[in-house]
Amino acid sequence: MRIPLPNERSANCEPSTTWSLRDRTLSFGKEPLLMGILNVTPDSFSDGGNFYTVQSAVDRAKQIEDEGAGILDLGGESTRPYSLPVDTEEELKRVVPILEKLQGKIAIPISIDTTKSEVAAAAMELGASIINDVSGLEADPRMVEVAVDFGAGVCAMHRKGTPQTMQDNPQYDDVVEEILSYLRATKTRLIGCGISPEKICLDPGIGFGKTHEHNLQLLQHAVRFHETECPILVGHSRKGFIAKILGNKDLPRTMGTVGVSMALALQRIQILRIHDVAEHRQAIQCFIASLTNSSQP
């Protein structure tokens, strides 16, 4: 089967080219921007416990920047299927010391991956620019207020249910159309609450209340999400559907993740949330150069 090139793919509008954050505006060009994941949790599905001390997390944050990430995404609570929630005090204990240590140490914007407004506000006070909320800014009624007060960039994700229930037989009549409709409605809701449209990024939520087939449909039709007229973020890194494609849950999933990232780059998805920054940076640079006959980003 011949793989369609970017100019053969279509959506009802052109991909967004900028995202306005609290303290800067990100511009999107030929290459997707890489959001490097830093989980400071004991139980995240892929790297839980790896960066659980303050110094190891700070070292990893610097490495993520050095490897070429455009955003650092810091999270203190696992959202993997069937994970247990942590209380606000524990989440603050995990992320605040790291944010304090990172002040003035990295130049890329910091995103706080949380559904709790108190955690988001504390992160903003310590220099974060983005609120990345897997509940679509719905789990905590005060989250929108925090985003407005600080002028934060926001990333709102679709999920069906909670981590404790989302993989219990999720069903859709048309997964692409239903999630596209949700993301459009979420954008409208956030604007109605006072968040400027240029500050909104949207995420279809790969693996959050979706079966293997749902995930593949969303990835195959990711270009449709440009119809929201917002930047699109996809978080597919090392997830279970990759192991299912490969037919072996014990295989490393880095190169499988890179393969999916190339398919998303073809569809001009603006932001890829990934663990393996260096590998993605090299692959994307060479991939884009081979399509455009240019080695310049």
C-alpha atoms as a PDB file:
ATOM      1  CA  MET A   1       0.000   0.000   0.000  1.00  0.00           C
ATOM      2  CA  ARG A   2       1.354   3.412  -0.933  1.00  0.00           C
ATOM      3  CA  ILE A   3       1.603   5.786   2.038  1.00  0.00           C
ATOM      4  CA  PRO A   4      -0.077   9.155   1.325  1.00  0.00           C
ATOM      5  CA  LEU A   5       2.166  12.195   1.624  1.00  0.00           C
ATOM      6  CA  PRO A   6       1.118  15.273   3.621  1.00  0.00           C
ATOM      7  CA  ASN A   7      -0.262  17.214   0.641  1.00  0.00           C
ATOM      8  CA  GLU A   8      -2.535  14.278  -0.148  1.00  0.00           C
ATOM      9  CA  ARG A   9      -4.150  14.376   3.260  1.00  0.00           C
ATOM     10  CA  SER A  10      -6.999  16.759   3.872  1.00  0.00           C
ATOM     11  CA  ALA A  11      -8.907  18.419   6.652  1.00  0.00           C
ATOM     12  CA  ASN A  12     -11.438  21.196   6.545  1.00  0.00           C
ATOM     13  CA  CYS A  13      -8.866  23.760   7.671  1.00  0.00           C
ATOM     14  CA  GLU A  14      -5.129  24.312   7.840  1.00  0.00           C
ATOM     15  CA  PRO A  15      -3.263  23.268  11.000  1.00  0.00           C
ATOM     16  CA  SER A  16      -2.783  25.992  13.602  1.00  0.00           C
ATOM     17  CA  THR A  17       0.663  27.555  13.479  1.00  0.00           C
ATOM     18  CA  THR A  18       0.944  29.094  16.966  1.00  0.00           C
ATOM     19  CA  TRP A  19       0.042  28.441  20.604  1.00  0.00           C
ATOM     20  CA  SER A  20       0.011  31.325  23.069  1.00  0.00           C
ATOM     21  CA  LEU A  21       1.294  30.450  26.541  1.00  0.00           C
ATOM     22  CA  ARG A  22       1.572  32.453  29.714  1.00  0.00           C
ATOM     23  CA  ASP A  23       4.925  34.004  28.880  1.00  0.00           C
ATOM     24  CA  ARG A  24       5.585  33.295  25.191  1.00  0.00           C
ATOM     25  CA  THR A  25       4.106  32.093  21.934  1.00  0.00           C
ATOM     26  CA  LEU A  26       5.166  28.801  20.383  1.00  0.00           C
ATOM     27  CA  SER A  27       5.351  28.630  16.592  1.00  0.00           C
ATOM     28  CA  PHE A  28       4.940  25.391  14.656  1.00  0.00           C
ATOM     29  CA  GLY A  29       6.834  24.720  11.449  1.00  0.00           C
ATOM     30  CA  LYS A  30       7.602  21.624   9.419  1.00  0.00           C
ATOM     31  CA  GLU A  31       8.583  19.530  12.436  1.00  0.00           C
ATOM     32  CA  PRO A  32       6.329  18.540  15.335  1.00  0.00           C
ATOM     33  CA  LEU A  33       7.309  20.049  18.673  1.00  0.00           C
ATOM     34  CA  LEU A  34       8.425  17.456  21.209  1.00  0.00           C
ATOM     35  CA  MET A  35       6.939  17.525  24.704  1.00  0.00           C
ATOM     36  CA  GLY A  36       9.306  15.559  26.930  1.00  0.00           C
ATOM     37  CA  ILE A  37       7.653  13.567  29.719  1.00  0.00           C
ATOM     38  CA  LEU A  38       8.954  13.779  33.286  1.00  0.00           C
ATOM     39  CA  ASN A  39       6.897  11.592  35.619  1.00  0.00           C
ATOM     40  CA  VAL A  40       7.817  12.017  39.278  1.00  0.00           C
ATOM     41  CA  THR A  41       5.640   9.132  40.414  1.00  0.00           C
ATOM     42  CA  PRO A  42       6.295   5.645  41.779  1.00  0.00           C
ATOM     43  CA  ASP A  43       3.659   4.022  39.569  1.00  0.00           C
ATOM     44  CA  SER A  44       3.483   5.505  36.057  1.00  0.00           C
ATOM     45  CA  PHE A  45       3.156   2.694  33.520  1.00  0.00           C
ATOM     46  CA  SER A  46       6.477   3.186  31.713  1.00  0.00           C
ATOM     47  CA  ASP A  47       8.888   5.094  33.911  1.00  0.00           C
ATOM     48  CA  GLY A  48       7.338   5.103  37.376  1.00  0.00           C
ATOM     49  CA  GLY A  49       9.999   5.475  40.046  1.00  0.00           C
ATOM     50  CA  ASN A  50      12.816   6.329  37.632  1.00  0.00           C
ATOM     51  CA  PHE A  51      12.904  10.031  38.544  1.00  0.00           C
ATOM     52  CA  TYR A  52      11.309   9.945  41.986  1.00  0.00           C
ATOM     53  CA  THR A  53      14.044  11.904  43.799  1.00  0.00           C
ATOM     54  CA  VAL A  54      14.372  15.656  43.348  1.00  0.00           C
ATOM     55  CA  GLN A  55      17.910  15.540  41.973  1.00  0.00           C
ATOM     56  CA  SER A  56      17.223  12.719  39.519  1.00  0.00           C
ATOM     57  CA  ALA A  57      14.166  14.602  38.272  1.00  0.00           C
ATOM     58  CA  VAL A  58      16.071  17.865  37.869  1.00  0.00           C
ATOM     59  CA  ASP A  59      18.884  16.070  36.022  1.00  0.00           C
ATOM     60  CA  ARG A  60      16.363  14.412  33.738  1.00  0.00           C
ATOM     61  CA  ALA A  61      14.624  17.745  33.045  1.00  0.00           C
ATOM     62  CA  LYS A  62      17.913  19.255  31.892  1.00  0.00           C
ATOM     63  CA  GLN A  63      18.582  16.188  29.747  1.00  0.00           C
ATOM     64  CA  ILE A  64      15.142  16.483  28.143  1.00  0.00           C
ATOM     65  CA  GLU A  65      15.897  20.077  27.184  1.00  0.00           C
ATOM     66  CA  ASP A  66      19.392  19.243  25.933  1.00  0.00           C
ATOM     67  CA  GLU A  67      18.037  16.440  23.762  1.00  0.00           C
ATOM     68  CA  GLY A  68      15.789  18.848  21.896  1.00  0.00           C
ATOM     69  CA  ALA A  69      12.385  18.963  23.567  1.00  0.00           C
ATOM     70  CA  GLY A  70      10.359  22.131  23.114  1.00  0.00           C
ATOM     71  CA  ILE A  71       8.276  21.619  26.280  1.00  0.00           C
ATOM     72  CA  LEU A  72       8.868  19.822  29.582  1.00  0.00           C
ATOM     73  CA  ASP A  73       5.743  18.085  30.920  1.00  0.00           C
ATOM     74  CA  LEU A  74       5.959  17.441  34.668  1.00  0.00           C
ATOM     75  CA  GLY A  75       3.490  15.109  36.347  1.00  0.00           C
ATOM     76  CA  GLY A  76       3.085  13.973  39.945  1.00  0.00           C
ATOM     77  CA  GLU A  77       0.157  11.563  39.581  1.00  0.00           C
ATOM     78  CA  SER A  78      -0.093   8.492  37.374  1.00  0.00           C
ATOM     79  CA  THR A  79      -3.035   8.393  34.976  1.00  0.00           C
ATOM     80  CA  ARG A  80      -2.406   4.877  33.647  1.00  0.00           C
ATOM     81  CA  PRO A  81      -5.422   2.520  33.532  1.00  0.00           C
ATOM     82  CA  TYR A  82      -6.519   1.389  37.020  1.00  0.00           C
ATOM     83  CA  SER A  83      -4.046   3.679  38.796  1.00  0.00           C
ATOM     84  CA  LEU A  84      -5.121   5.026  42.171  1.00  0.00           C
ATOM     85  CA  PRO A  85      -5.508   8.772  42.688  1.00  0.00           C
ATOM     86  CA  VAL A  86      -3.235  10.669  45.070  1.00  0.00           C
ATOM     87  CA  ASP A  87      -4.343  13.533  47.251  1.00  0.00           C
ATOM     88  CA  THR A  88      -3.411  17.130  46.610  1.00  0.00           C
ATOM     89  CA  GLU A  89      -0.848  17.282  49.409  1.00  0.00           C
ATOM     90  CA  GLU A  90       1.064  14.278  48.054  1.00  0.00           C
ATOM     91  CA  GLU A  91       1.029  15.592  44.486  1.00  0.00           C
ATOM     92  CA  LEU A  92       2.342  18.957  45.684  1.00  0.00           C
ATOM     93  CA  LYS A  93       5.119  17.198  47.624  1.00  0.00           C
ATOM     94  CA  ARG A  94       6.195  15.489  44.419  1.00  0.00           C
ATOM     95  CA  VAL A  95       6.248  18.436  42.025  1.00  0.00           C
ATOM     96  CA  VAL A  96       6.896  21.611  44.038  1.00  0.00           C
ATOM     97  CA  PRO A  97      10.529  20.842  45.077  1.00  0.00           C
ATOM     98  CA  ILE A  98      11.381  20.045  41.459  1.00  0.00           C
ATOM     99  CA  LEU A  99       9.804  23.233  40.141  1.00  0.00           C
ATOM    100  CA  GLU A 100      11.700  25.205  42.770  1.00  0.00           C
ATOM    101  CA  LYS A 101      15.001  23.646  41.683  1.00  0.00           C
ATOM    102  CA  LEU A 102      14.258  24.200  37.989  1.00  0.00           C
ATOM    103  CA  GLN A 103      13.713  27.954  38.281  1.00  0.00           C
ATOM    104  CA  GLY A 104      16.248  29.612  36.021  1.00  0.00           C
ATOM    105  CA  LYS A 105      17.764  26.235  35.073  1.00  0.00           C
ATOM    106  CA  ILE A 106      15.902  25.452  31.837  1.00  0.00           C
ATOM    107  CA  ALA A 107      14.690  27.752  29.083  1.00  0.00           C
ATOM    108  CA  ILE A 108      11.905  25.655  27.569  1.00  0.00           C
ATOM    109  CA  PRO A 109       8.364  26.146  28.897  1.00  0.00           C
ATOM    110  CA  ILE A 110       7.165  23.854  31.670  1.00  0.00           C
ATOM    111  CA  SER A 111       3.787  22.140  31.528  1.00  0.00           C
ATOM    112  CA  ILE A 112       2.149  20.811  34.686  1.00  0.00           C
ATOM    113  CA  ASP A 113       0.289  17.549  34.079  1.00  0.00           C
ATOM    114  CA  THR A 114      -2.498  17.657  36.676  1.00  0.00           C
ATOM    115  CA  THR A 115      -6.247  17.667  37.191  1.00  0.00           C
ATOM    116  CA  LYS A 116      -6.027  19.606  40.469  1.00  0.00           C
ATOM    117  CA  SER A 117      -6.356  23.402  40.489  1.00  0.00           C
ATOM    118  CA  GLU A 118      -4.230  23.785  43.636  1.00  0.00           C
ATOM    119  CA  VAL A 119      -1.351  21.912  42.020  1.00  0.00           C
ATOM    120  CA  ALA A 120      -1.727  23.924  38.815  1.00  0.00           C
ATOM    121  CA  ALA A 121      -1.711  27.220  40.740  1.00  0.00           C
ATOM    122  CA  ALA A 122       1.406  26.231  42.701  1.00  0.00           C
ATOM    123  CA  ALA A 123       3.155  25.304  39.459  1.00  0.00           C
ATOM    124  CA  MET A 124       2.206  28.632  37.876  1.00  0.00           C
ATOM    125  CA  GLU A 125       3.626  30.470  40.889  1.00  0.00           C
ATOM    126  CA  LEU A 126       6.889  28.619  40.288  1.00  0.00           C
ATOM    127  CA  GLY A 127       7.134  29.444  36.606  1.00  0.00           C
ATOM    128  CA  ALA A 128       5.076  26.867  34.707  1.00  0.00           C
ATOM    129  CA  SER A 129       3.443  28.105  31.491  1.00  0.00           C
ATOM    130  CA  ILE A 130       0.977  25.328  30.579  1.00  0.00           C
ATOM    131  CA  ILE A 131      -1.757  23.357  32.329  1.00  0.00           C
ATOM    132  CA  ASN A 132      -2.031  19.885  30.782  1.00  0.00           C
ATOM    133  CA  ASP A 133      -5.279  18.411  32.127  1.00  0.00           C
ATOM    134  CA  VAL A 134      -6.332  14.889  31.104  1.00  0.00           C
ATOM    135  CA  SER A 135      -9.875  15.607  32.325  1.00  0.00           C
ATOM    136  CA  GLY A 136     -10.383  18.421  29.826  1.00  0.00           C
ATOM    137  CA  LEU A 137     -10.398  20.920  32.725  1.00  0.00           C
ATOM    138  CA  GLU A 138     -13.552  19.268  34.065  1.00  0.00           C
ATOM    139  CA  ALA A 139     -12.413  17.293  37.140  1.00  0.00           C
ATOM    140  CA  ASP A 140     -11.794  20.391  39.292  1.00  0.00           C
ATOM    141  CA  PRO A 141     -14.283  23.281  38.985  1.00  0.00           C
ATOM    142  CA  ARG A 142     -11.553  25.801  39.840  1.00  0.00           C
ATOM    143  CA  MET A 143      -9.114  24.718  37.129  1.00  0.00           C
ATOM    144  CA  VAL A 144     -10.483  27.118  34.526  1.00  0.00           C
ATOM    145  CA  GLU A 145     -10.271  29.963  37.036  1.00  0.00           C
ATOM    146  CA  VAL A 146      -6.576  29.193  37.646  1.00  0.00           C
ATOM    147  CA  ALA A 147      -5.917  29.102  33.903  1.00  0.00           C
ATOM    148  CA  VAL A 148      -7.613  32.471  33.412  1.00  0.00           C
ATOM    149  CA  ASP A 149      -5.956  34.112  36.419  1.00  0.00           C
ATOM    150  CA  PHE A 150      -2.455  33.135  35.295  1.00  0.00           C
ATOM    151  CA  GLY A 151      -3.017  33.451  31.548  1.00  0.00           C
ATOM    152  CA  ALA A 152      -1.759  29.887  31.134  1.00  0.00           C
ATOM    153  CA  GLY A 153      -1.714  27.907  27.954  1.00  0.00           C
ATOM    154  CA  VAL A 154      -4.019  24.925  28.405  1.00  0.00           C
ATOM    155  CA  CYS A 155      -4.113  21.465  26.889  1.00  0.00           C
ATOM    156  CA  ALA A 156      -7.515  19.811  27.288  1.00  0.00           C
ATOM    157  CA  MET A 157      -7.743  16.071  26.645  1.00  0.00           C
ATOM    158  CA  HIS A 158     -10.630  13.749  25.914  1.00  0.00           C
ATOM    159  CA  ARG A 159     -11.098  10.744  28.160  1.00  0.00           C
ATOM    160  CA  LYS A 160     -14.042   8.465  28.818  1.00  0.00           C
ATOM    161  CA  GLY A 161     -14.406   7.821  32.540  1.00  0.00           C
ATOM    162  CA  THR A 162     -11.539   7.924  35.039  1.00  0.00           C
ATOM    163  CA  PRO A 163      -8.301   5.915  35.229  1.00  0.00           C
ATOM    164  CA  GLN A 164     -10.188   3.430  37.425  1.00  0.00           C
ATOM    165  CA  THR A 165     -12.983   2.870  34.858  1.00  0.00           C
ATOM    166  CA  MET A 166     -11.871   4.122  31.437  1.00  0.00           C
ATOM    167  CA  GLN A 167     -10.743   0.757  30.041  1.00  0.00           C
ATOM    168  CA  ASP A 168     -13.870  -1.124  31.130  1.00  0.00           C
ATOM    169  CA  ASN A 169     -15.334  -1.826  27.685  1.00  0.00           C
ATOM    170  CA  PRO A 170     -15.333   1.708  26.195  1.00  0.00           C
ATOM    171  CA  GLN A 171     -17.769   2.041  23.294  1.00  0.00           C
ATOM    172  CA  TYR A 172     -18.361   4.592  20.530  1.00  0.00           C
ATOM    173  CA  ASP A 173     -20.576   4.659  17.464  1.00  0.00           C
ATOM    174  CA  ASP A 174     -17.925   6.637  15.567  1.00  0.00           C
ATOM    175  CA  VAL A 175     -14.857   7.298  17.691  1.00  0.00           C
ATOM    176  CA  VAL A 176     -13.338   9.965  15.425  1.00  0.00           C
ATOM    177  CA  GLU A 177     -16.538  11.985  15.036  1.00  0.00           C
ATOM    178  CA  GLU A 178     -17.476  11.705  18.704  1.00  0.00           C
ATOM    179  CA  ILE A 179     -14.091  12.840  19.969  1.00  0.00           C
ATOM    180  CA  LEU A 180     -13.904  15.616  17.386  1.00  0.00           C
ATOM    181  CA  SER A 181     -17.322  16.792  18.604  1.00  0.00           C
ATOM    182  CA  TYR A 182     -16.139  16.665  22.229  1.00  0.00           C
ATOM    183  CA  LEU A 183     -13.004  18.661  21.459  1.00  0.00           C
ATOM    184  CA  ARG A 184     -14.996  21.317  19.605  1.00  0.00           C
ATOM    185  CA  ALA A 185     -17.429  21.570  22.522  1.00  0.00           C
ATOM    186  CA  THR A 186     -14.536  21.750  24.985  1.00  0.00           C
ATOM    187  CA  LYS A 187     -12.996  24.625  23.063  1.00  0.00           C
ATOM    188  CA  THR A 188     -16.332  26.460  23.089  1.00  0.00           C
ATOM    189  CA  ARG A 189     -16.761  25.829  26.826  1.00  0.00           C
ATOM    190  CA  LEU A 190     -13.275  27.073  27.699  1.00  0.00           C
ATOM    191  CA  ILE A 191     -13.679  30.217  25.609  1.00  0.00           C
ATOM    192  CA  GLY A 192     -17.024  30.840  27.299  1.00  0.00           C
ATOM    193  CA  CYS A 193     -15.260  30.617  30.673  1.00  0.00           C
ATOM    194  CA  GLY A 194     -12.745  33.296  29.695  1.00  0.00           C
ATOM    195  CA  ILE A 195      -9.811  31.388  28.215  1.00  0.00           C
ATOM    196  CA  SER A 196      -8.567  33.012  25.013  1.00  0.00           C
ATOM    197  CA  PRO A 197      -8.863  30.726  21.974  1.00  0.00           C
ATOM    198  CA  GLU A 198      -5.194  31.170  21.082  1.00  0.00           C
ATOM    199  CA  LYS A 199      -4.262  29.619  24.469  1.00  0.00           C
ATOM    200  CA  ILE A 200      -6.105  26.334  23.845  1.00  0.00           C
ATOM    201  CA  CYS A 201      -4.489  23.088  22.683  1.00  0.00           C
ATOM    202  CA  LEU A 202      -6.512  19.871  22.333  1.00  0.00           C
ATOM    203  CA  ASP A 203      -5.657  16.187  22.763  1.00  0.00           C
ATOM    204  CA  PRO A 204      -7.784  13.248  21.529  1.00  0.00           C
ATOM    205  CA  GLY A 205      -6.552  11.114  24.433  1.00  0.00           C
ATOM    206  CA  ILE A 206      -4.955   7.998  22.985  1.00  0.00           C
ATOM    207  CA  GLY A 207      -5.432   5.145  25.466  1.00  0.00           C
ATOM    208  CA  PHE A 208      -7.842   7.017  27.723  1.00  0.00           C
ATOM    209  CA  GLY A 209     -11.097   5.121  27.419  1.00  0.00           C
ATOM    210  CA  LYS A 210     -10.342   3.628  24.001  1.00  0.00           C
ATOM    211  CA  THR A 211      -9.856   0.091  22.731  1.00  0.00           C
ATOM    212  CA  HIS A 212      -6.937  -0.925  20.533  1.00  0.00           C
ATOM    213  CA  GLU A 213      -9.069  -0.380  17.421  1.00  0.00           C
ATOM    214  CA  HIS A 214     -10.259   3.008  18.669  1.00  0.00           C
ATOM    215  CA  ASN A 215      -6.647   4.118  19.149  1.00  0.00           C
ATOM    216  CA  LEU A 216      -5.719   3.061  15.636  1.00  0.00           C
ATOM    217  CA  GLN A 217      -8.709   4.860  14.133  1.00  0.00           C
ATOM    218  CA  LEU A 218      -7.797   8.059  15.964  1.00  0.00           C
ATOM    219  CA  LEU A 219      -4.196   7.846  14.781  1.00  0.00           C
ATOM    220  CA  GLN A 220      -5.193   7.101  11.197  1.00  0.00           C
ATOM    221  CA  HIS A 221      -7.529  10.109  11.127  1.00  0.00           C
ATOM    222  CA  ALA A 222      -5.592  12.495  13.368  1.00  0.00           C
ATOM    223  CA  VAL A 223      -5.622  15.095  10.583  1.00  0.00           C
ATOM    224  CA  ARG A 224      -9.341  15.570  11.246  1.00  0.00           C
ATOM    225  CA  PHE A 225      -8.618  17.197  14.592  1.00  0.00           C
ATOM    226  CA  HIS A 226      -7.157  20.225  12.829  1.00  0.00           C
ATOM    227  CA  GLU A 227     -10.796  21.104  12.169  1.00  0.00           C
ATOM    228  CA  THR A 228     -10.924  22.407  15.753  1.00  0.00           C
ATOM    229  CA  GLU A 229      -8.585  25.228  14.650  1.00  0.00           C
ATOM    230  CA  CYS A 230      -6.405  24.564  17.703  1.00  0.00           C
ATOM    231  CA  PRO A 231      -2.942  23.028  18.027  1.00  0.00           C
ATOM    232  CA  ILE A 232      -3.223  19.264  18.509  1.00  0.00           C
ATOM    233  CA  LEU A 233      -1.189  17.232  20.985  1.00  0.00           C
ATOM    234  CA  VAL A 234      -0.968  13.441  20.818  1.00  0.00           C
ATOM    235  CA  GLY A 235       0.371  11.339  23.684  1.00  0.00           C
ATOM    236  CA  HIS A 236       1.036   7.839  22.366  1.00  0.00           C
ATOM    237  CA  SER A 237       4.451   7.146  23.829  1.00  0.00           C
ATOM    238  CA  ARG A 238       5.145   3.521  24.815  1.00  0.00           C
ATOM    239  CA  LYS A 239       1.436   2.775  25.248  1.00  0.00           C
ATOM    240  CA  GLY A 240      -0.129  -0.667  25.206  1.00  0.00           C
ATOM    241  CA  PHE A 241      -1.489  -0.471  21.674  1.00  0.00           C
ATOM    242  CA  ILE A 242       2.118  -0.397  20.415  1.00  0.00           C
ATOM    243  CA  ALA A 243       2.855  -3.695  22.148  1.00  0.00           C
ATOM    244  CA  LYS A 244      -0.292  -5.124  20.600  1.00  0.00           C
ATOM    245  CA  ILE A 245       0.794  -4.041  17.108  1.00  0.00           C
ATOM    246  CA  LEU A 246       4.214  -5.594  17.691  1.00  0.00           C
ATOM    247  CA  GLY A 247       2.669  -8.758  19.085  1.00  0.00           C
ATOM    248  CA  ASN A 248       4.912  -8.838  22.141  1.00  0.00           C
ATOM    249  CA  LYS A 249       4.217  -6.946  25.355  1.00  0.00           C
ATOM    250  CA  ASP A 250       7.796  -7.496  26.558  1.00  0.00           C
ATOM    251  CA  LEU A 251       9.511  -5.722  23.647  1.00  0.00           C
ATOM    252  CA  PRO A 252      10.859  -2.185  24.183  1.00  0.00           C
ATOM    253  CA  ARG A 253       8.388   0.273  22.679  1.00  0.00           C
ATOM    254  CA  THR A 254      10.682   3.166  21.771  1.00  0.00           C
ATOM    255  CA  MET A 255      10.979   2.421  18.069  1.00  0.00           C
ATOM    256  CA  GLY A 256       7.302   1.529  17.840  1.00  0.00           C
ATOM    257  CA  THR A 257       6.542   4.929  19.335  1.00  0.00           C
ATOM    258  CA  VAL A 258       8.856   6.603  16.813  1.00  0.00           C
ATOM    259  CA  GLY A 259       7.023   4.850  13.991  1.00  0.00           C
ATOM    260  CA  VAL A 260       3.675   6.208  15.158  1.00  0.00           C
ATOM    261  CA  SER A 261       5.234   9.646  15.534  1.00  0.00           C
ATOM    262  CA  MET A 262       6.272   9.618  11.871  1.00  0.00           C
ATOM    263  CA  ALA A 263       2.673   8.885  10.860  1.00  0.00           C
ATOM    264  CA  LEU A 264       1.520  11.813  12.999  1.00  0.00           C
ATOM    265  CA  ALA A 265       4.186  14.083  11.514  1.00  0.00           C
ATOM    266  CA  LEU A 266       2.747  13.287   8.078  1.00  0.00           C
ATOM    267  CA  GLN A 267      -0.574  14.580   9.344  1.00  0.00           C
ATOM    268  CA  ARG A 268       1.079  17.769  10.654  1.00  0.00           C
ATOM    269  CA  ILE A 269       0.232  17.121  14.297  1.00  0.00           C
ATOM    270  CA  GLN A 270       1.892  19.984  16.127  1.00  0.00           C
ATOM    271  CA  ILE A 271       2.954  18.427  19.452  1.00  0.00           C
ATOM    272  CA  LEU A 272       4.087  14.901  20.307  1.00  0.00           C
ATOM    273  CA  ARG A 273       4.203  13.996  24.002  1.00  0.00           C
ATOM    274  CA  ILE A 274       6.971  11.418  24.275  1.00  0.00           C
ATOM    275  CA  HIS A 275       9.502   9.808  26.619  1.00  0.00           C
ATOM    276  CA  ASP A 276      12.440   9.302  24.239  1.00  0.00           C
ATOM    277  CA  VAL A 277      13.385  12.784  23.105  1.00  0.00           C
ATOM    278  CA  ALA A 278      16.795  12.177  21.512  1.00  0.00           C
ATOM    279  CA  GLU A 279      15.553   9.303  19.356  1.00  0.00           C
ATOM    280  CA  HIS A 280      12.564  11.328  18.194  1.00  0.00           C
ATOM    281  CA  ARG A 281      14.632  14.406  17.454  1.00  0.00           C
ATOM    282  CA  GLN A 282      16.957  12.494  15.148  1.00  0.00           C
ATOM    283  CA  ALA A 283      14.187  10.535  13.441  1.00  0.00           C
ATOM    284  CA  ILE A 284      11.984  13.560  12.812  1.00  0.00           C
ATOM    285  CA  GLN A 285      14.820  15.725  11.495  1.00  0.00           C
ATOM    286  CA  CYS A 286      15.825  13.050   8.990  1.00  0.00           C
ATOM    287  CA  PHE A 287      12.228  12.203   8.125  1.00  0.00           C
ATOM    288  CA  ILE A 288      11.237  15.806   7.391  1.00  0.00           C
ATOM    289  CA  ALA A 289      14.472  16.472   5.502  1.00  0.00           C
ATOM    290  CA  SER A 290      13.867  13.463   3.275  1.00  0.00           C
ATOM    291  CA  LEU A 291      10.368  14.718   2.414  1.00  0.00           C
ATOM    292  CA  THR A 292      11.308  18.365   1.866  1.00  0.00           C
ATOM    293  CA  ASN A 293      14.831  18.049   0.426  1.00  0.00           C
ATOM    294  CA  SER A 294      16.090  20.313   3.205  1.00  0.00           C
ATOM    295  CA  SER A 295      18.165  19.714   6.312  1.00  0.00           C
ATOM    296  CA  GLN A 296      17.021  22.943   7.907  1.00  0.00           C
ATOM    297  CA  PRO A 297      14.311  22.814  10.638  1.00  0.00           C
END
